[in-house]
PDB file of all heavy atoms in Angstrom:
ATOM      1  N   ILE A   1      46.310  30.096  13.926  1.00  0.00           N
ATOM      2  CA  ILE A   1      47.030  31.037  14.789  1.00  0.00           C
ATOM      3  C   ILE A   1      46.262  32.352  14.820  1.00  0.00           C
ATOM      4  O   ILE A   1      46.212  33.086  13.815  1.00  0.00           O
ATOM      5  CB  ILE A   1      48.472  31.258  14.295  1.00  0.00           C
ATOM      6  CG1 ILE A   1      49.211  29.920  14.178  1.00  0.00           C
ATOM      7  CG2 ILE A   1      49.221  32.195  15.246  1.00  0.00           C
ATOM      8  CD1 ILE A   1      50.577  30.033  13.523  1.00  0.00           C
ATOM      9  N   ALA A   2      45.636  32.647  15.937  1.00  0.00           N
ATOM     10  CA  ALA A   2      44.846  33.876  16.080  1.00  0.00           C
ATOM     11  C   ALA A   2      45.767  35.060  16.362  1.00  0.00           C
ATOM     12  O   ALA A   2      46.846  34.907  16.945  1.00  0.00           O
ATOM     13  CB  ALA A   2      43.826  33.723  17.199  1.00  0.00           C
ATOM     14  N   SER A   3      45.314  36.248  15.974  1.00  0.00           N
ATOM     15  CA  SER A   3      46.105  37.454  16.213  1.00  0.00           C
ATOM     16  C   SER A   3      45.593  38.260  17.395  1.00  0.00           C
ATOM     17  O   SER A   3      46.267  39.177  17.860  1.00  0.00           O
ATOM     18  CB  SER A   3      46.117  38.330  14.958  1.00  0.00           C
ATOM     19  OG  SER A   3      44.797  38.663  14.566  1.00  0.00           O
ATOM     20  N   ASN A   4      44.396  37.929  17.913  1.00  0.00           N
ATOM     21  CA  ASN A   4      43.859  38.632  19.078  1.00  0.00           C
ATOM     22  C   ASN A   4      42.806  37.768  19.756  1.00  0.00           C
ATOM     23  O   ASN A   4      42.321  36.773  19.194  1.00  0.00           O
ATOM     24  CB  ASN A   4      43.265  39.995  18.670  1.00  0.00           C
ATOM     25  CG  ASN A   4      42.213  39.861  17.593  1.00  0.00           C
ATOM     26  OD1 ASN A   4      41.151  39.277  17.816  1.00  0.00           O
ATOM     27  ND2 ASN A   4      42.506  40.377  16.393  1.00  0.00           N
ATOM     28  N   ILE A   5      42.432  38.165  20.964  1.00  0.00           N
ATOM     29  CA  ILE A   5      41.508  37.359  21.761  1.00  0.00           C
ATOM     30  C   ILE A   5      40.098  37.370  21.155  1.00  0.00           C
ATOM     31  O   ILE A   5      39.348  36.391  21.316  1.00  0.00           O
ATOM     32  CB  ILE A   5      41.469  37.862  23.235  1.00  0.00           C
ATOM     33  CG1 ILE A   5      40.675  36.889  24.126  1.00  0.00           C
ATOM     34  CG2 ILE A   5      40.908  39.266  23.320  1.00  0.00           C
ATOM     35  CD1 ILE A   5      41.284  35.514  24.249  1.00  0.00           C
ATOM     36  N   ALA A   6      39.753  38.422  20.449  1.00  0.00           N
ATOM     37  CA  ALA A   6      38.415  38.504  19.851  1.00  0.00           C
ATOM     38  C   ALA A   6      38.192  37.381  18.847  1.00  0.00           C
ATOM     39  O   ALA A   6      37.082  36.836  18.743  1.00  0.00           O
ATOM     40  CB  ALA A   6      38.216  39.869  19.191  1.00  0.00           C
ATOM     41  N   GLU A   7      39.232  37.029  18.101  1.00  0.00           N
ATOM     42  CA  GLU A   7      39.109  35.933  17.134  1.00  0.00           C
ATOM     43  C   GLU A   7      38.759  34.619  17.830  1.00  0.00           C
ATOM     44  O   GLU A   7      37.952  33.837  17.330  1.00  0.00           O
ATOM     45  CB  GLU A   7      40.423  35.762  16.367  1.00  0.00           C
ATOM     46  CG  GLU A   7      40.706  36.852  15.354  1.00  0.00           C
ATOM     47  CD  GLU A   7      41.989  36.566  14.595  1.00  0.00           C
ATOM     48  OE1 GLU A   7      42.272  35.383  14.303  1.00  0.00           O
ATOM     49  OE2 GLU A   7      42.725  37.531  14.299  1.00  0.00           O
ATOM     50  N   ILE A   8      39.364  34.398  18.964  1.00  0.00           N
ATOM     51  CA  ILE A   8      39.104  33.163  19.706  1.00  0.00           C
ATOM     52  C   ILE A   8      37.705  33.187  20.315  1.00  0.00           C
ATOM     53  O   ILE A   8      36.963  32.204  20.249  1.00  0.00           O
ATOM     54  CB  ILE A   8      40.182  32.961  20.780  1.00  0.00           C
ATOM     55  CG1 ILE A   8      41.489  32.529  20.098  1.00  0.00           C
ATOM     56  CG2 ILE A   8      39.761  31.931  21.826  1.00  0.00           C
ATOM     57  CD1 ILE A   8      42.686  32.454  20.986  1.00  0.00           C
ATOM     58  N   CYS A   9      37.333  34.318  20.908  1.00  0.00           N
ATOM     59  CA  CYS A   9      36.020  34.420  21.553  1.00  0.00           C
ATOM     60  C   CYS A   9      34.876  34.278  20.545  1.00  0.00           C
ATOM     61  O   CYS A   9      33.784  33.804  20.894  1.00  0.00           O
ATOM     62  CB  CYS A   9      35.902  35.751  22.294  1.00  0.00           C
ATOM     63  SG  CYS A   9      36.969  35.871  23.749  1.00  0.00           S
ATOM     64  N   SER A  10      35.102  34.679  19.295  1.00  0.00           N
ATOM     65  CA  SER A  10      34.051  34.613  18.275  1.00  0.00           C
ATOM     66  C   SER A  10      34.085  33.314  17.474  1.00  0.00           C
ATOM     67  O   SER A  10      33.232  33.103  16.612  1.00  0.00           O
ATOM     68  CB  SER A  10      34.168  35.805  17.326  1.00  0.00           C
ATOM     69  OG  SER A  10      35.412  35.775  16.640  1.00  0.00           O
ATOM     70  N   ASN A  11      35.039  32.463  17.770  1.00  0.00           N
ATOM     71  CA  ASN A  11      35.182  31.206  17.034  1.00  0.00           C
ATOM     72  C   ASN A  11      34.199  30.166  17.566  1.00  0.00           C
ATOM     73  O   ASN A  11      34.339  29.692  18.703  1.00  0.00           O
ATOM     74  CB  ASN A  11      36.617  30.687  17.163  1.00  0.00           C
ATOM     75  CG  ASN A  11      36.890  29.490  16.267  1.00  0.00           C
ATOM     76  OD1 ASN A  11      35.973  28.786  15.829  1.00  0.00           O
ATOM     77  ND2 ASN A  11      38.162  29.232  16.002  1.00  0.00           N
ATOM     78  N   PRO A  12      33.198  29.765  16.807  1.00  0.00           N
ATOM     79  CA  PRO A  12      32.186  28.824  17.299  1.00  0.00           C
ATOM     80  C   PRO A  12      32.744  27.414  17.535  1.00  0.00           C
ATOM     81  O   PRO A  12      32.100  26.613  18.211  1.00  0.00           O
ATOM     82  CB  PRO A  12      31.129  28.824  16.188  1.00  0.00           C
ATOM     83  CG  PRO A  12      31.879  29.209  14.957  1.00  0.00           C
ATOM     84  CD  PRO A  12      32.932  30.164  15.410  1.00  0.00           C
ATOM     85  N   GLU A  13      33.921  27.131  16.981  1.00  0.00           N
ATOM     86  CA  GLU A  13      34.518  25.803  17.165  1.00  0.00           C
ATOM     87  C   GLU A  13      35.245  25.673  18.515  1.00  0.00           C
ATOM     88  O   GLU A  13      35.604  24.582  18.920  1.00  0.00           O
ATOM     89  CB  GLU A  13      35.512  25.511  16.029  1.00  0.00           C
ATOM     90  CG  GLU A  13      34.894  25.499  14.647  1.00  0.00           C
ATOM     91  CD  GLU A  13      33.822  24.438  14.531  1.00  0.00           C
ATOM     92  OE1 GLU A  13      34.035  23.307  15.001  1.00  0.00           O
ATOM     93  OE2 GLU A  13      32.744  24.749  13.976  1.00  0.00           O
ATOM     94  N   VAL A  14      35.462  26.790  19.206  1.00  0.00           N
ATOM     95  CA  VAL A  14      36.195  26.779  20.477  1.00  0.00           C
ATOM     96  C   VAL A  14      35.219  26.667  21.644  1.00  0.00           C
ATOM     97  O   VAL A  14      34.329  27.506  21.806  1.00  0.00           O
ATOM     98  CB  VAL A  14      37.066  28.045  20.640  1.00  0.00           C
ATOM     99  CG1 VAL A  14      37.663  28.115  22.042  1.00  0.00           C
ATOM    100  CG2 VAL A  14      38.167  28.071  19.589  1.00  0.00           C
ATOM    101  N   ASP A  15      35.378  25.624  22.427  1.00  0.00           N
ATOM    102  CA  ASP A  15      34.541  25.416  23.620  1.00  0.00           C
ATOM    103  C   ASP A  15      35.287  25.744  24.908  1.00  0.00           C
ATOM    104  O   ASP A  15      34.689  26.194  25.881  1.00  0.00           O
ATOM    105  CB  ASP A  15      34.080  23.955  23.686  1.00  0.00           C
ATOM    106  CG  ASP A  15      33.352  23.523  22.433  1.00  0.00           C
ATOM    107  OD1 ASP A  15      32.248  24.045  22.202  1.00  0.00           O
ATOM    108  OD2 ASP A  15      33.896  22.687  21.678  1.00  0.00           O
ATOM    109  N   ILE A  16      36.598  25.468  24.926  1.00  0.00           N
ATOM    110  CA  ILE A  16      37.412  25.636  26.130  1.00  0.00           C
ATOM    111  C   ILE A  16      38.634  26.479  25.783  1.00  0.00           C
ATOM    112  O   ILE A  16      39.332  26.213  24.806  1.00  0.00           O
ATOM    113  CB  ILE A  16      37.876  24.269  26.682  1.00  0.00           C
ATOM    114  CG1 ILE A  16      36.678  23.383  27.018  1.00  0.00           C
ATOM    115  CG2 ILE A  16      38.763  24.460  27.913  1.00  0.00           C
ATOM    116  CD1 ILE A  16      37.069  21.937  27.343  1.00  0.00           C
ATOM    117  N   VAL A  17      38.896  27.488  26.608  1.00  0.00           N
ATOM    118  CA  VAL A  17      40.069  28.339  26.432  1.00  0.00           C
ATOM    119  C   VAL A  17      41.065  28.037  27.541  1.00  0.00           C
ATOM    120  O   VAL A  17      40.715  28.055  28.728  1.00  0.00           O
ATOM    121  CB  VAL A  17      39.686  29.829  26.443  1.00  0.00           C
ATOM    122  CG1 VAL A  17      40.929  30.717  26.436  1.00  0.00           C
ATOM    123  CG2 VAL A  17      38.794  30.157  25.245  1.00  0.00           C
ATOM    124  N   VAL A  18      42.298  27.759  27.178  1.00  0.00           N
ATOM    125  CA  VAL A  18      43.367  27.457  28.126  1.00  0.00           C
ATOM    126  C   VAL A  18      44.277  28.674  28.245  1.00  0.00           C
ATOM    127  O   VAL A  18      44.868  29.104  27.247  1.00  0.00           O
ATOM    128  CB  VAL A  18      44.189  26.229  27.669  1.00  0.00           C
ATOM    129  CG1 VAL A  18      45.360  25.983  28.619  1.00  0.00           C
ATOM    130  CG2 VAL A  18      43.298  25.000  27.573  1.00  0.00           C
ATOM    131  N   GLU A  19      44.379  29.237  29.442  1.00  0.00           N
ATOM    132  CA  GLU A  19      45.214  30.422  29.660  1.00  0.00           C
ATOM    133  C   GLU A  19      46.487  30.008  30.385  1.00  0.00           C
ATOM    134  O   GLU A  19      46.453  29.555  31.519  1.00  0.00           O
ATOM    135  CB  GLU A  19      44.448  31.467  30.472  1.00  0.00           C
ATOM    136  CG  GLU A  19      45.209  32.771  30.677  1.00  0.00           C
ATOM    137  CD  GLU A  19      46.147  32.736  31.867  1.00  0.00           C
ATOM    138  OE1 GLU A  19      45.701  32.364  32.973  1.00  0.00           O
ATOM    139  OE2 GLU A  19      47.337  33.068  31.687  1.00  0.00           O
ATOM    140  N   VAL A  20      47.621  30.186  29.695  1.00  0.00           N
ATOM    141  CA  VAL A  20      48.925  29.852  30.285  1.00  0.00           C
ATOM    142  C   VAL A  20      49.909  31.000  30.043  1.00  0.00           C
ATOM    143  O   VAL A  20      51.106  30.784  29.892  1.00  0.00           O
ATOM    144  CB  VAL A  20      49.476  28.525  29.710  1.00  0.00           C
ATOM    145  CG1 VAL A  20      48.761  27.344  30.312  1.00  0.00           C
ATOM    146  CG2 VAL A  20      49.355  28.467  28.194  1.00  0.00           C
ATOM    147  N   ILE A  21      49.380  32.219  30.036  1.00  0.00           N
ATOM    148  CA  ILE A  21      50.219  33.402  29.795  1.00  0.00           C
ATOM    149  C   ILE A  21      51.005  33.754  31.049  1.00  0.00           C
ATOM    150  O   ILE A  21      52.180  34.101  30.999  1.00  0.00           O
ATOM    151  CB  ILE A  21      49.351  34.600  29.362  1.00  0.00           C
ATOM    152  CG1 ILE A  21      48.588  34.268  28.074  1.00  0.00           C
ATOM    153  CG2 ILE A  21      50.201  35.843  29.163  1.00  0.00           C
ATOM    154  CD1 ILE A  21      47.532  35.285  27.722  1.00  0.00           C
ATOM    155  N   GLY A  22      50.342  33.692  32.210  1.00  0.00           N
ATOM    156  CA  GLY A  22      50.957  34.096  33.469  1.00  0.00           C
ATOM    157  C   GLY A  22      50.772  35.572  33.733  1.00  0.00           C
ATOM    158  O   GLY A  22      50.459  36.359  32.834  1.00  0.00           O
ATOM    159  N   GLY A  23      50.956  35.972  35.003  1.00  0.00           N
ATOM    160  CA  GLY A  23      50.776  37.365  35.384  1.00  0.00           C
ATOM    161  C   GLY A  23      49.311  37.766  35.382  1.00  0.00           C
ATOM    162  O   GLY A  23      48.424  36.960  35.101  1.00  0.00           O
ATOM    163  N   VAL A  24      49.048  39.020  35.707  1.00  0.00           N
ATOM    164  CA  VAL A  24      47.666  39.486  35.815  1.00  0.00           C
ATOM    165  C   VAL A  24      47.127  39.978  34.473  1.00  0.00           C
ATOM    166  O   VAL A  24      46.065  39.573  34.024  1.00  0.00           O
ATOM    167  CB  VAL A  24      47.546  40.572  36.897  1.00  0.00           C
ATOM    168  CG1 VAL A  24      46.162  41.204  36.875  1.00  0.00           C
ATOM    169  CG2 VAL A  24      47.836  39.981  38.276  1.00  0.00           C
ATOM    170  N   GLU A  25      47.841  40.870  33.827  1.00  0.00           N
ATOM    171  CA  GLU A  25      47.406  41.386  32.519  1.00  0.00           C
ATOM    172  C   GLU A  25      48.434  41.058  31.441  1.00  0.00           C
ATOM    173  O   GLU A  25      49.633  41.095  31.695  1.00  0.00           O
ATOM    174  CB  GLU A  25      47.171  42.898  32.586  1.00  0.00           C
ATOM    175  CG  GLU A  25      45.937  43.321  33.365  1.00  0.00           C
ATOM    176  CD  GLU A  25      44.628  42.884  32.719  1.00  0.00           C
ATOM    177  OE1 GLU A  25      44.640  42.349  31.590  1.00  0.00           O
ATOM    178  OE2 GLU A  25      43.583  43.069  33.358  1.00  0.00           O
ATOM    179  N   PRO A  26      47.953  40.698  30.251  1.00  0.00           N
ATOM    180  CA  PRO A  26      46.569  40.735  29.754  1.00  0.00           C
ATOM    181  C   PRO A  26      45.744  39.493  30.089  1.00  0.00           C
ATOM    182  O   PRO A  26      44.623  39.358  29.598  1.00  0.00           O
ATOM    183  CB  PRO A  26      46.764  40.860  28.252  1.00  0.00           C
ATOM    184  CG  PRO A  26      48.000  40.051  27.989  1.00  0.00           C
ATOM    185  CD  PRO A  26      48.903  40.306  29.167  1.00  0.00           C
ATOM    186  N   ALA A  27      46.292  38.588  30.908  1.00  0.00           N
ATOM    187  CA  ALA A  27      45.602  37.322  31.178  1.00  0.00           C
ATOM    188  C   ALA A  27      44.188  37.536  31.722  1.00  0.00           C
ATOM    189  O   ALA A  27      43.234  36.883  31.276  1.00  0.00           O
ATOM    190  CB  ALA A  27      46.412  36.486  32.160  1.00  0.00           C
ATOM    191  N   LYS A  28      44.040  38.463  32.660  1.00  0.00           N
ATOM    192  CA  LYS A  28      42.721  38.701  33.258  1.00  0.00           C
ATOM    193  C   LYS A  28      41.707  39.153  32.205  1.00  0.00           C
ATOM    194  O   LYS A  28      40.584  38.639  32.140  1.00  0.00           O
ATOM    195  CB  LYS A  28      42.831  39.744  34.366  1.00  0.00           C
ATOM    196  CG  LYS A  28      41.512  40.067  35.045  1.00  0.00           C
ATOM    197  CD  LYS A  28      41.679  41.219  36.029  1.00  0.00           C
ATOM    198  CE  LYS A  28      40.336  41.668  36.570  1.00  0.00           C
ATOM    199  NZ  LYS A  28      40.438  42.900  37.384  1.00  0.00           N
ATOM    200  N   THR A  29      42.104  40.117  31.382  1.00  0.00           N
ATOM    201  CA  THR A  29      41.214  40.610  30.328  1.00  0.00           C
ATOM    202  C   THR A  29      40.823  39.489  29.378  1.00  0.00           C
ATOM    203  O   THR A  29      39.657  39.353  28.989  1.00  0.00           O
ATOM    204  CB  THR A  29      41.907  41.749  29.559  1.00  0.00           C
ATOM    205  OG1 THR A  29      42.145  42.838  30.463  1.00  0.00           O
ATOM    206  CG2 THR A  29      41.046  42.230  28.399  1.00  0.00           C
ATOM    207  N   PHE A  30      41.788  38.658  29.002  1.00  0.00           N
ATOM    208  CA  PHE A  30      41.527  37.567  28.071  1.00  0.00           C
ATOM    209  C   PHE A  30      40.589  36.527  28.662  1.00  0.00           C
ATOM    210  O   PHE A  30      39.665  36.042  27.990  1.00  0.00           O
ATOM    211  CB  PHE A  30      42.840  36.903  27.656  1.00  0.00           C
ATOM    212  CG  PHE A  30      43.716  37.746  26.756  1.00  0.00           C
ATOM    213  CD1 PHE A  30      44.966  37.275  26.358  1.00  0.00           C
ATOM    214  CD2 PHE A  30      43.314  38.996  26.321  1.00  0.00           C
ATOM    215  CE1 PHE A  30      45.776  38.036  25.527  1.00  0.00           C
ATOM    216  CE2 PHE A  30      44.129  39.773  25.494  1.00  0.00           C
ATOM    217  CZ  PHE A  30      45.360  39.288  25.101  1.00  0.00           C
ATOM    218  N   VAL A  31      40.827  36.157  29.927  1.00  0.00           N
ATOM    219  CA  VAL A  31      39.995  35.130  30.575  1.00  0.00           C
ATOM    220  C   VAL A  31      38.564  35.625  30.740  1.00  0.00           C
ATOM    221  O   VAL A  31      37.604  34.893  30.466  1.00  0.00           O
ATOM    222  CB  VAL A  31      40.600  34.718  31.933  1.00  0.00           C
ATOM    223  CG1 VAL A  31      39.603  33.879  32.733  1.00  0.00           C
ATOM    224  CG2 VAL A  31      41.885  33.931  31.718  1.00  0.00           C
ATOM    225  N   LEU A  32      38.392  36.881  31.171  1.00  0.00           N
ATOM    226  CA  LEU A  32      37.043  37.424  31.313  1.00  0.00           C
ATOM    227  C   LEU A  32      36.336  37.504  29.973  1.00  0.00           C
ATOM    228  O   LEU A  32      35.129  37.220  29.865  1.00  0.00           O
ATOM    229  CB  LEU A  32      37.103  38.806  31.969  1.00  0.00           C
ATOM    230  CG  LEU A  32      37.409  38.822  33.469  1.00  0.00           C
ATOM    231  CD1 LEU A  32      37.617  40.251  33.965  1.00  0.00           C
ATOM    232  CD2 LEU A  32      36.294  38.148  34.271  1.00  0.00           C
ATOM    233  N   ALA A  33      37.066  37.845  28.930  1.00  0.00           N
ATOM    234  CA  ALA A  33      36.467  37.892  27.596  1.00  0.00           C
ATOM    235  C   ALA A  33      35.998  36.511  27.166  1.00  0.00           C
ATOM    236  O   ALA A  33      34.901  36.354  26.609  1.00  0.00           O
ATOM    237  CB  ALA A  33      37.484  38.443  26.591  1.00  0.00           C
ATOM    238  N   ALA A  34      36.805  35.499  27.437  1.00  0.00           N
ATOM    239  CA  ALA A  34      36.424  34.130  27.069  1.00  0.00           C
ATOM    240  C   ALA A  34      35.196  33.675  27.846  1.00  0.00           C
ATOM    241  O   ALA A  34      34.254  33.102  27.268  1.00  0.00           O
ATOM    242  CB  ALA A  34      37.598  33.183  27.325  1.00  0.00           C
ATOM    243  N   LEU A  35      35.172  33.920  29.142  1.00  0.00           N
ATOM    244  CA  LEU A  35      34.029  33.515  29.962  1.00  0.00           C
ATOM    245  C   LEU A  35      32.764  34.246  29.522  1.00  0.00           C
ATOM    246  O   LEU A  35      31.683  33.641  29.419  1.00  0.00           O
ATOM    247  CB  LEU A  35      34.313  33.795  31.444  1.00  0.00           C
ATOM    248  CG  LEU A  35      35.394  32.920  32.098  1.00  0.00           C
ATOM    249  CD1 LEU A  35      35.771  33.476  33.464  1.00  0.00           C
ATOM    250  CD2 LEU A  35      34.914  31.477  32.235  1.00  0.00           C
ATOM    251  N   ASN A  36      32.885  35.534  29.254  1.00  0.00           N
ATOM    252  CA  ASN A  36      31.713  36.309  28.826  1.00  0.00           C
ATOM    253  C   ASN A  36      31.243  35.925  27.430  1.00  0.00           C
ATOM    254  O   ASN A  36      30.109  36.226  27.045  1.00  0.00           O
ATOM    255  CB  ASN A  36      32.017  37.807  28.899  1.00  0.00           C
ATOM    256  CG  ASN A  36      32.061  38.311  30.335  1.00  0.00           C
ATOM    257  OD1 ASN A  36      31.295  37.848  31.181  1.00  0.00           O
ATOM    258  ND2 ASN A  36      32.972  39.228  30.619  1.00  0.00           N
ATOM    259  N   ALA A  37      32.101  35.238  26.670  1.00  0.00           N
ATOM    260  CA  ALA A  37      31.705  34.719  25.354  1.00  0.00           C
ATOM    261  C   ALA A  37      31.142  33.303  25.463  1.00  0.00           C
ATOM    262  O   ALA A  37      30.835  32.675  24.441  1.00  0.00           O
ATOM    263  CB  ALA A  37      32.905  34.734  24.413  1.00  0.00           C
ATOM    264  N   GLY A  38      31.019  32.798  26.701  1.00  0.00           N
ATOM    265  CA  GLY A  38      30.439  31.478  26.903  1.00  0.00           C
ATOM    266  C   GLY A  38      31.426  30.326  26.794  1.00  0.00           C
ATOM    267  O   GLY A  38      31.016  29.171  26.675  1.00  0.00           O
ATOM    268  N   LYS A  39      32.739  30.636  26.863  1.00  0.00           N
ATOM    269  CA  LYS A  39      33.750  29.593  26.788  1.00  0.00           C
ATOM    270  C   LYS A  39      34.182  29.199  28.201  1.00  0.00           C
ATOM    271  O   LYS A  39      34.413  30.069  29.049  1.00  0.00           O
ATOM    272  CB  LYS A  39      35.000  30.078  26.038  1.00  0.00           C
ATOM    273  CG  LYS A  39      34.739  30.868  24.763  1.00  0.00           C
ATOM    274  CD  LYS A  39      34.178  30.029  23.646  1.00  0.00           C
ATOM    275  CE  LYS A  39      34.129  30.830  22.340  1.00  0.00           C
ATOM    276  NZ  LYS A  39      33.480  30.093  21.240  1.00  0.00           N
ATOM    277  N   SER A  40      34.297  27.914  28.471  1.00  0.00           N
ATOM    278  CA  SER A  40      34.883  27.481  29.731  1.00  0.00           C
ATOM    279  C   SER A  40      36.378  27.767  29.695  1.00  0.00           C
ATOM    280  O   SER A  40      36.986  27.842  28.628  1.00  0.00           O
ATOM    281  CB  SER A  40      34.633  25.990  29.960  1.00  0.00           C
ATOM    282  OG  SER A  40      33.255  25.749  30.219  1.00  0.00           O
ATOM    283  N   VAL A  41      36.969  27.934  30.880  1.00  0.00           N
ATOM    284  CA  VAL A  41      38.382  28.322  30.974  1.00  0.00           C
ATOM    285  C   VAL A  41      39.137  27.360  31.866  1.00  0.00           C
ATOM    286  O   VAL A  41      38.663  26.969  32.948  1.00  0.00           O
ATOM    287  CB  VAL A  41      38.520  29.766  31.513  1.00  0.00           C
ATOM    288  CG1 VAL A  41      39.971  30.067  31.897  1.00  0.00           C
ATOM    289  CG2 VAL A  41      38.041  30.771  30.465  1.00  0.00           C
ATOM    290  N   VAL A  42      40.331  26.988  31.420  1.00  0.00           N
ATOM    291  CA  VAL A  42      41.301  26.242  32.218  1.00  0.00           C
ATOM    292  C   VAL A  42      42.528  27.125  32.341  1.00  0.00           C
ATOM    293  O   VAL A  42      43.043  27.623  31.337  1.00  0.00           O
ATOM    294  CB  VAL A  42      41.681  24.908  31.545  1.00  0.00           C
ATOM    295  CG1 VAL A  42      42.800  24.216  32.312  1.00  0.00           C
ATOM    296  CG2 VAL A  42      40.465  23.995  31.439  1.00  0.00           C
ATOM    297  N   THR A  43      43.005  27.357  33.568  1.00  0.00           N
ATOM    298  CA  THR A  43      44.141  28.250  33.768  1.00  0.00           C
ATOM    299  C   THR A  43      45.187  27.620  34.681  1.00  0.00           C
ATOM    300  O   THR A  43      44.854  26.854  35.589  1.00  0.00           O
ATOM    301  CB  THR A  43      43.695  29.610  34.342  1.00  0.00           C
ATOM    302  OG1 THR A  43      44.845  30.453  34.531  1.00  0.00           O
ATOM    303  CG2 THR A  43      42.990  29.447  35.684  1.00  0.00           C
TER     304      THR A  43
END
Protein backbone atom coordinates (compact mmCIF):
# COMPACT_ATOMS: atom_id res chain seq x y z
CA ILE A 1 0.00 0.00 0.00
CA ALA A 2 1.77 3.13 -1.24
CA SER A 3 1.31 6.49 0.47
CA ASN A 4 2.05 8.68 -2.58
CA ILE A 5 2.51 8.52 -6.34
CA ALA A 6 6.30 8.89 -6.07
CA GLU A 7 6.54 5.48 -4.40
CA ILE A 8 4.77 3.88 -7.33
CA CYS A 9 6.74 5.76 -9.99
CA SER A 10 10.05 4.73 -8.37
CA ASN A 11 9.04 1.10 -7.90
CA PRO A 12 11.02 -0.99 -10.45
CA GLU A 13 8.52 -3.86 -10.10
CA VAL A 14 5.67 -1.73 -11.52
CA ASP A 15 5.29 -1.80 -15.31
CA ILE A 16 1.66 -0.68 -15.72
CA VAL A 17 -0.24 1.92 -13.70
CA VAL A 18 -4.04 1.71 -13.60
CA GLU A 19 -5.80 5.02 -12.88
CA VAL A 20 -9.38 4.70 -11.62
CA ILE A 21 -9.57 7.79 -9.41
CA GLY A 22 -11.86 9.81 -11.70
CA GLY A 23 -12.02 13.56 -12.25
CA VAL A 24 -9.17 15.71 -13.52
CA GLU A 25 -6.99 16.24 -10.44
CA PRO A 26 -5.05 14.60 -8.91
CA ALA A 27 -5.57 11.98 -11.64
CA LYS A 28 -3.86 14.06 -14.34
CA THR A 29 -0.79 14.75 -12.20
CA PHE A 30 -0.53 11.08 -11.24
CA VAL A 31 -0.91 9.77 -14.80
CA LEU A 32 1.69 12.20 -16.19
CA ALA A 33 4.07 11.24 -13.40
CA ALA A 34 3.65 7.56 -14.23
CA LEU A 35 4.17 8.09 -17.96
CA ASN A 36 7.23 10.28 -17.37
CA ALA A 37 8.63 7.50 -15.15
CA GLY A 38 8.34 5.09 -18.08
CA LYS A 39 5.21 3.27 -16.87
CA SER A 40 2.42 2.40 -19.28
CA VAL A 41 -1.01 3.62 -18.16
CA VAL A 42 -4.50 2.14 -18.30
CA THR A 43 -7.30 4.56 -17.39
